Amino acid sequence: MALVSLGEAKAYLRVDSSDEDAMVGILLASAGKLCADVARLSDGQWAAVNSTGNENGTAGYTAEELSRIREVMKAAVLYALAYLYEHREEADHHGLTLTLRSLLFSIREGVL
């Protein structure tokens, strides 16, 4: 199971119908990858953070660190998703990236 499910994403975006499931799914994957890149997570670290169980291991994180990182990453992914959804025609990707850097500073710099 992913950090943010399609159902959670649709609820956050207030999308009721299933007409836009494919687009929301694509934007959710893009938001997750963008946040992982901005946070400077390796593929193994992102796999550990993006899973809700321990099936992928902890990638060197303690359970407490992993919990805090998941909270921050979930907020960042939902923010990026909402931004991409609302601005799908004229998104300012540079501005989005700068905002995500601020949100993910603690993970980028290893403060958590």
N, C-alpha and C. Protein backbone atom coordinates (compact mmCIF):
# COMPACT_ATOMS: atom_id res chain seq x y z
N MET A 1 0.84 -1.18 0.00
CA MET A 1 0.00 0.00 0.00
C MET A 1 0.88 1.24 0.00
N ALA A 2 0.46 2.25 -0.71
CA ALA A 2 1.26 3.47 -0.88
C ALA A 2 1.04 4.45 0.27
N LEU A 3 1.93 5.40 0.36
CA LEU A 3 1.86 6.45 1.37
C LEU A 3 0.53 7.20 1.29
N VAL A 4 0.11 7.52 0.07
CA VAL A 4 -1.18 8.17 -0.17
C VAL A 4 -1.93 7.30 -1.17
N SER A 5 -3.08 6.80 -0.78
CA SER A 5 -3.87 5.95 -1.68
C SER A 5 -4.67 6.82 -2.64
N LEU A 6 -5.16 6.21 -3.69
CA LEU A 6 -5.99 6.94 -4.65
C LEU A 6 -7.24 7.48 -3.97
N GLY A 7 -7.81 6.72 -3.07
CA GLY A 7 -9.00 7.18 -2.35
C GLY A 7 -8.71 8.41 -1.49
N GLU A 8 -7.56 8.38 -0.79
CA GLU A 8 -7.17 9.54 0.01
C GLU A 8 -6.92 10.76 -0.86
N ALA A 9 -6.28 10.52 -1.99
CA ALA A 9 -5.98 11.62 -2.92
C ALA A 9 -7.27 12.24 -3.45
N LYS A 10 -8.22 11.39 -3.84
CA LYS A 10 -9.50 11.90 -4.36
C LYS A 10 -10.26 12.66 -3.28
N ALA A 11 -10.23 12.16 -2.06
CA ALA A 11 -10.90 12.85 -0.96
C ALA A 11 -10.24 14.20 -0.70
N TYR A 12 -8.92 14.25 -0.74
CA TYR A 12 -8.19 15.50 -0.52
C TYR A 12 -8.51 16.52 -1.61
N LEU A 13 -8.63 16.03 -2.84
CA LEU A 13 -8.94 16.91 -3.97
C LEU A 13 -10.44 17.20 -4.10
N ARG A 14 -11.24 16.49 -3.30
CA ARG A 14 -12.70 16.58 -3.36
C ARG A 14 -13.24 16.20 -4.75
N VAL A 15 -12.71 15.09 -5.24
CA VAL A 15 -13.17 14.51 -6.50
C VAL A 15 -14.08 13.35 -6.14
N ASP A 16 -15.34 13.43 -6.56
CA ASP A 16 -16.33 12.42 -6.19
C ASP A 16 -16.46 11.28 -7.19
N SER A 17 -16.34 11.59 -8.46
CA SER A 17 -16.58 10.56 -9.48
C SER A 17 -15.30 9.80 -9.80
N SER A 18 -15.47 8.72 -10.50
CA SER A 18 -14.31 7.92 -10.91
C SER A 18 -13.83 8.31 -12.31
N ASP A 19 -14.41 9.35 -12.87
CA ASP A 19 -14.03 9.78 -14.22
C ASP A 19 -12.58 10.22 -14.31
N GLU A 20 -12.05 10.76 -13.24
CA GLU A 20 -10.69 11.30 -13.27
C GLU A 20 -9.69 10.42 -12.52
N ASP A 21 -10.04 9.17 -12.26
CA ASP A 21 -9.16 8.28 -11.51
C ASP A 21 -7.79 8.13 -12.18
N ALA A 22 -7.78 7.98 -13.48
CA ALA A 22 -6.51 7.79 -14.19
C ALA A 22 -5.63 9.03 -14.06
N MET A 23 -6.23 10.19 -14.26
CA MET A 23 -5.45 11.42 -14.16
C MET A 23 -4.95 11.65 -12.74
N VAL A 24 -5.80 11.44 -11.74
CA VAL A 24 -5.40 11.61 -10.35
C VAL A 24 -4.28 10.62 -10.01
N GLY A 25 -4.39 9.40 -10.50
CA GLY A 25 -3.34 8.40 -10.27
C GLY A 25 -2.00 8.81 -10.87
N ILE A 26 -2.03 9.34 -12.08
CA ILE A 26 -0.80 9.80 -12.74
C ILE A 26 -0.21 10.98 -11.98
N LEU A 27 -1.05 11.94 -11.61
CA LEU A 27 -0.57 13.10 -10.87
C LEU A 27 -0.03 12.70 -9.50
N LEU A 28 -0.67 11.72 -8.87
CA LEU A 28 -0.21 11.23 -7.56
C LEU A 28 1.18 10.59 -7.68
N ALA A 29 1.38 9.80 -8.71
CA ALA A 29 2.70 9.18 -8.93
C ALA A 29 3.74 10.26 -9.22
N SER A 30 3.38 11.26 -10.02
CA SER A 30 4.30 12.35 -10.32
C SER A 30 4.63 13.16 -9.08
N ALA A 31 3.62 13.44 -8.26
CA ALA A 31 3.85 14.19 -7.02
C ALA A 31 4.76 13.42 -6.08
N GLY A 32 4.54 12.11 -5.96
CA GLY A 32 5.39 11.29 -5.11
C GLY A 32 6.83 11.28 -5.57
N LYS A 33 7.04 11.09 -6.85
CA LYS A 33 8.40 11.06 -7.40
C LYS A 33 9.07 12.42 -7.25
N LEU A 34 8.33 13.49 -7.51
CA LEU A 34 8.87 14.84 -7.36
C LEU A 34 9.30 15.09 -5.91
N CYS A 35 8.45 14.72 -4.96
CA CYS A 35 8.77 14.91 -3.55
C CYS A 35 9.98 14.06 -3.14
N ALA A 36 10.04 12.84 -3.62
CA ALA A 36 11.19 11.98 -3.30
C ALA A 36 12.48 12.58 -3.86
N ASP A 37 12.41 13.13 -5.06
CA ASP A 37 13.59 13.76 -5.67
C ASP A 37 14.01 15.01 -4.91
N VAL A 38 13.05 15.85 -4.56
CA VAL A 38 13.35 17.08 -3.83
C VAL A 38 13.90 16.75 -2.44
N ALA A 39 13.39 15.69 -1.81
CA ALA A 39 13.87 15.28 -0.48
C ALA A 39 15.20 14.54 -0.56
N ARG A 40 15.66 14.26 -1.77
CA ARG A 40 16.92 13.55 -2.01
C ARG A 40 16.90 12.13 -1.45
N LEU A 41 15.77 11.45 -1.64
CA LEU A 41 15.65 10.07 -1.19
C LEU A 41 16.09 9.13 -2.31
N SER A 42 16.86 8.13 -1.96
CA SER A 42 17.23 7.11 -2.94
C SER A 42 16.00 6.25 -3.24
N ASP A 43 16.09 5.42 -4.24
CA ASP A 43 14.96 4.55 -4.57
C ASP A 43 14.61 3.64 -3.40
N GLY A 44 15.62 3.13 -2.70
CA GLY A 44 15.39 2.26 -1.54
C GLY A 44 14.74 3.01 -0.38
N GLN A 45 15.20 4.23 -0.15
CA GLN A 45 14.61 5.04 0.91
C GLN A 45 13.16 5.39 0.58
N TRP A 46 12.90 5.78 -0.68
CA TRP A 46 11.54 6.11 -1.09
C TRP A 46 10.64 4.88 -0.98
N ALA A 47 11.15 3.71 -1.33
CA ALA A 47 10.35 2.48 -1.22
C ALA A 47 9.97 2.22 0.24
N ALA A 48 10.91 2.46 1.16
CA ALA A 48 10.62 2.27 2.59
C ALA A 48 9.61 3.29 3.09
N VAL A 49 9.75 4.52 2.66
CA VAL A 49 8.83 5.59 3.09
C VAL A 49 7.46 5.40 2.45
N ASN A 50 7.42 5.02 1.20
CA ASN A 50 6.17 4.91 0.44
C ASN A 50 5.35 3.69 0.83
N SER A 51 5.93 2.73 1.52
CA SER A 51 5.17 1.56 1.96
C SER A 51 4.65 1.82 3.37
N THR A 52 3.54 1.20 3.70
CA THR A 52 2.99 1.39 5.05
C THR A 52 3.39 0.25 5.97
N GLY A 53 3.97 -0.79 5.42
CA GLY A 53 4.44 -1.90 6.25
C GLY A 53 5.95 -1.96 6.22
N ASN A 54 6.50 -3.06 6.68
CA ASN A 54 7.95 -3.22 6.69
C ASN A 54 8.41 -4.19 5.60
N GLU A 55 7.57 -4.39 4.57
CA GLU A 55 7.93 -5.35 3.54
C GLU A 55 9.15 -4.91 2.74
N ASN A 56 9.44 -3.61 2.70
CA ASN A 56 10.61 -3.13 1.97
C ASN A 56 11.76 -2.77 2.90
N GLY A 57 11.66 -3.10 4.17
CA GLY A 57 12.69 -2.75 5.12
C GLY A 57 12.57 -1.29 5.53
N THR A 58 13.54 -0.82 6.29
CA THR A 58 13.47 0.54 6.78
C THR A 58 14.53 1.43 6.17
N ALA A 59 15.35 0.92 5.29
CA ALA A 59 16.37 1.70 4.58
C ALA A 59 17.27 2.47 5.54
N GLY A 60 17.57 1.87 6.69
CA GLY A 60 18.46 2.51 7.65
C GLY A 60 17.79 3.48 8.61
N TYR A 61 16.49 3.63 8.53
CA TYR A 61 15.76 4.52 9.43
C TYR A 61 15.27 3.75 10.65
N THR A 62 15.21 4.43 11.78
CA THR A 62 14.54 3.85 12.94
C THR A 62 13.04 3.96 12.70
N ALA A 63 12.26 3.24 13.47
CA ALA A 63 10.80 3.30 13.31
C ALA A 63 10.27 4.71 13.56
N GLU A 64 10.86 5.40 14.53
CA GLU A 64 10.42 6.77 14.84
C GLU A 64 10.77 7.73 13.70
N GLU A 65 11.98 7.62 13.16
CA GLU A 65 12.38 8.46 12.03
C GLU A 65 11.48 8.22 10.82
N LEU A 66 11.23 6.96 10.56
CA LEU A 66 10.38 6.60 9.43
C LEU A 66 8.98 7.16 9.58
N SER A 67 8.45 7.12 10.79
CA SER A 67 7.12 7.67 11.05
C SER A 67 7.09 9.17 10.80
N ARG A 68 8.10 9.89 11.29
CA ARG A 68 8.16 11.35 11.08
C ARG A 68 8.34 11.70 9.61
N ILE A 69 9.20 10.95 8.93
CA ILE A 69 9.44 11.20 7.51
C ILE A 69 8.16 10.96 6.72
N ARG A 70 7.43 9.90 7.05
CA ARG A 70 6.17 9.62 6.35
C ARG A 70 5.17 10.75 6.54
N GLU A 71 5.09 11.30 7.75
CA GLU A 71 4.16 12.41 7.99
C GLU A 71 4.49 13.61 7.12
N VAL A 72 5.77 13.98 7.08
CA VAL A 72 6.20 15.13 6.29
C VAL A 72 6.01 14.85 4.81
N MET A 73 6.40 13.66 4.37
CA MET A 73 6.28 13.32 2.96
C MET A 73 4.81 13.27 2.52
N LYS A 74 3.94 12.78 3.37
CA LYS A 74 2.52 12.71 3.02
C LYS A 74 1.96 14.11 2.80
N ALA A 75 2.30 15.04 3.70
CA ALA A 75 1.84 16.42 3.53
C ALA A 75 2.39 17.03 2.24
N ALA A 76 3.65 16.77 1.96
CA ALA A 76 4.28 17.31 0.75
C ALA A 76 3.66 16.71 -0.51
N VAL A 77 3.43 15.41 -0.50
CA VAL A 77 2.83 14.74 -1.67
C VAL A 77 1.42 15.27 -1.91
N LEU A 78 0.64 15.42 -0.86
CA LEU A 78 -0.72 15.96 -1.03
C LEU A 78 -0.68 17.40 -1.53
N TYR A 79 0.26 18.20 -1.03
CA TYR A 79 0.38 19.58 -1.52
C TYR A 79 0.73 19.58 -3.01
N ALA A 80 1.74 18.79 -3.37
CA ALA A 80 2.17 18.73 -4.78
C ALA A 80 1.04 18.21 -5.67
N LEU A 81 0.33 17.21 -5.21
CA LEU A 81 -0.80 16.67 -5.96
C LEU A 81 -1.85 17.74 -6.20
N ALA A 82 -2.23 18.45 -5.14
CA ALA A 82 -3.24 19.49 -5.27
C ALA A 82 -2.78 20.59 -6.22
N TYR A 83 -1.51 20.97 -6.12
CA TYR A 83 -0.97 22.01 -7.00
C TYR A 83 -1.03 21.55 -8.46
N LEU A 84 -0.55 20.34 -8.70
CA LEU A 84 -0.55 19.82 -10.07
C LEU A 84 -1.97 19.66 -10.62
N TYR A 85 -2.89 19.27 -9.77
CA TYR A 85 -4.28 19.09 -10.19
C TYR A 85 -4.93 20.45 -10.52
N GLU A 86 -4.73 21.41 -9.65
CA GLU A 86 -5.35 22.72 -9.85
C GLU A 86 -4.71 23.52 -10.98
N HIS A 87 -3.42 23.32 -11.20
CA HIS A 87 -2.69 24.10 -12.21
C HIS A 87 -2.22 23.21 -13.36
N ARG A 88 -3.04 22.25 -13.74
CA ARG A 88 -2.60 21.28 -14.76
C ARG A 88 -2.35 21.92 -16.11
N GLU A 89 -2.90 23.10 -16.36
CA GLU A 89 -2.70 23.78 -17.65
C GLU A 89 -1.53 24.75 -17.61
N GLU A 90 -1.27 25.38 -16.46
CA GLU A 90 -0.26 26.43 -16.39
C GLU A 90 0.59 26.35 -15.12
N ALA A 91 1.06 25.19 -14.80
CA ALA A 91 1.82 24.99 -13.55
C ALA A 91 3.18 25.69 -13.61
N ASP A 92 3.54 26.30 -12.49
CA ASP A 92 4.86 26.90 -12.31
C ASP A 92 5.71 25.88 -11.55
N HIS A 93 6.40 25.03 -12.28
CA HIS A 93 7.14 23.94 -11.66
C HIS A 93 8.31 24.44 -10.82
N HIS A 94 8.89 25.55 -11.21
CA HIS A 94 9.98 26.12 -10.42
C HIS A 94 9.45 26.57 -9.05
N GLY A 95 8.33 27.26 -9.04
CA GLY A 95 7.72 27.70 -7.79
C GLY A 95 7.32 26.52 -6.92
N LEU A 96 6.76 25.49 -7.55
CA LEU A 96 6.37 24.28 -6.81
C LEU A 96 7.59 23.63 -6.17
N THR A 97 8.66 23.53 -6.92
CA THR A 97 9.88 22.91 -6.40
C THR A 97 10.46 23.71 -5.23
N LEU A 98 10.44 25.03 -5.32
CA LEU A 98 10.93 25.85 -4.21
C LEU A 98 10.09 25.66 -2.96
N THR A 99 8.77 25.57 -3.13
CA THR A 99 7.89 25.34 -1.99
C THR A 99 8.16 23.96 -1.38
N LEU A 100 8.33 22.96 -2.23
CA LEU A 100 8.62 21.61 -1.73
C LEU A 100 9.96 21.55 -1.01
N ARG A 101 10.94 22.31 -1.49
CA ARG A 101 12.22 22.36 -0.79
C ARG A 101 12.04 22.87 0.64
N SER A 102 11.18 23.86 0.79
CA SER A 102 10.92 24.39 2.13
C SER A 102 10.20 23.36 2.99
N LEU A 103 9.21 22.70 2.41
CA LEU A 103 8.46 21.69 3.17
C LEU A 103 9.33 20.49 3.55
N LEU A 104 10.24 20.14 2.68
CA LEU A 104 11.03 18.92 2.86
C LEU A 104 12.44 19.20 3.38
N PHE A 105 12.70 20.41 3.85
CA PHE A 105 14.03 20.79 4.31
C PHE A 105 14.58 19.83 5.36
N SER A 106 13.76 19.44 6.30
CA SER A 106 14.25 18.58 7.39
C SER A 106 14.69 17.21 6.86
N ILE A 107 14.03 16.72 5.85
CA ILE A 107 14.42 15.43 5.27
C ILE A 107 15.66 15.62 4.40
N ARG A 108 15.67 16.70 3.60
CA ARG A 108 16.82 16.97 2.71
C ARG A 108 18.11 17.10 3.49
N GLU A 109 18.03 17.73 4.66
CA GLU A 109 19.23 18.00 5.44
C GLU A 109 19.47 16.98 6.55
N GLY A 110 18.59 15.97 6.64
CA GLY A 110 18.76 14.92 7.63
C GLY A 110 18.50 15.36 9.05
N VAL A 111 17.64 16.36 9.23
CA VAL A 111 17.33 16.89 10.56
C VAL A 111 16.42 15.95 11.32
N LEU A 112 15.53 15.25 10.62
CA LEU A 112 14.61 14.32 11.30
C LEU A 112 15.41 13.23 11.85
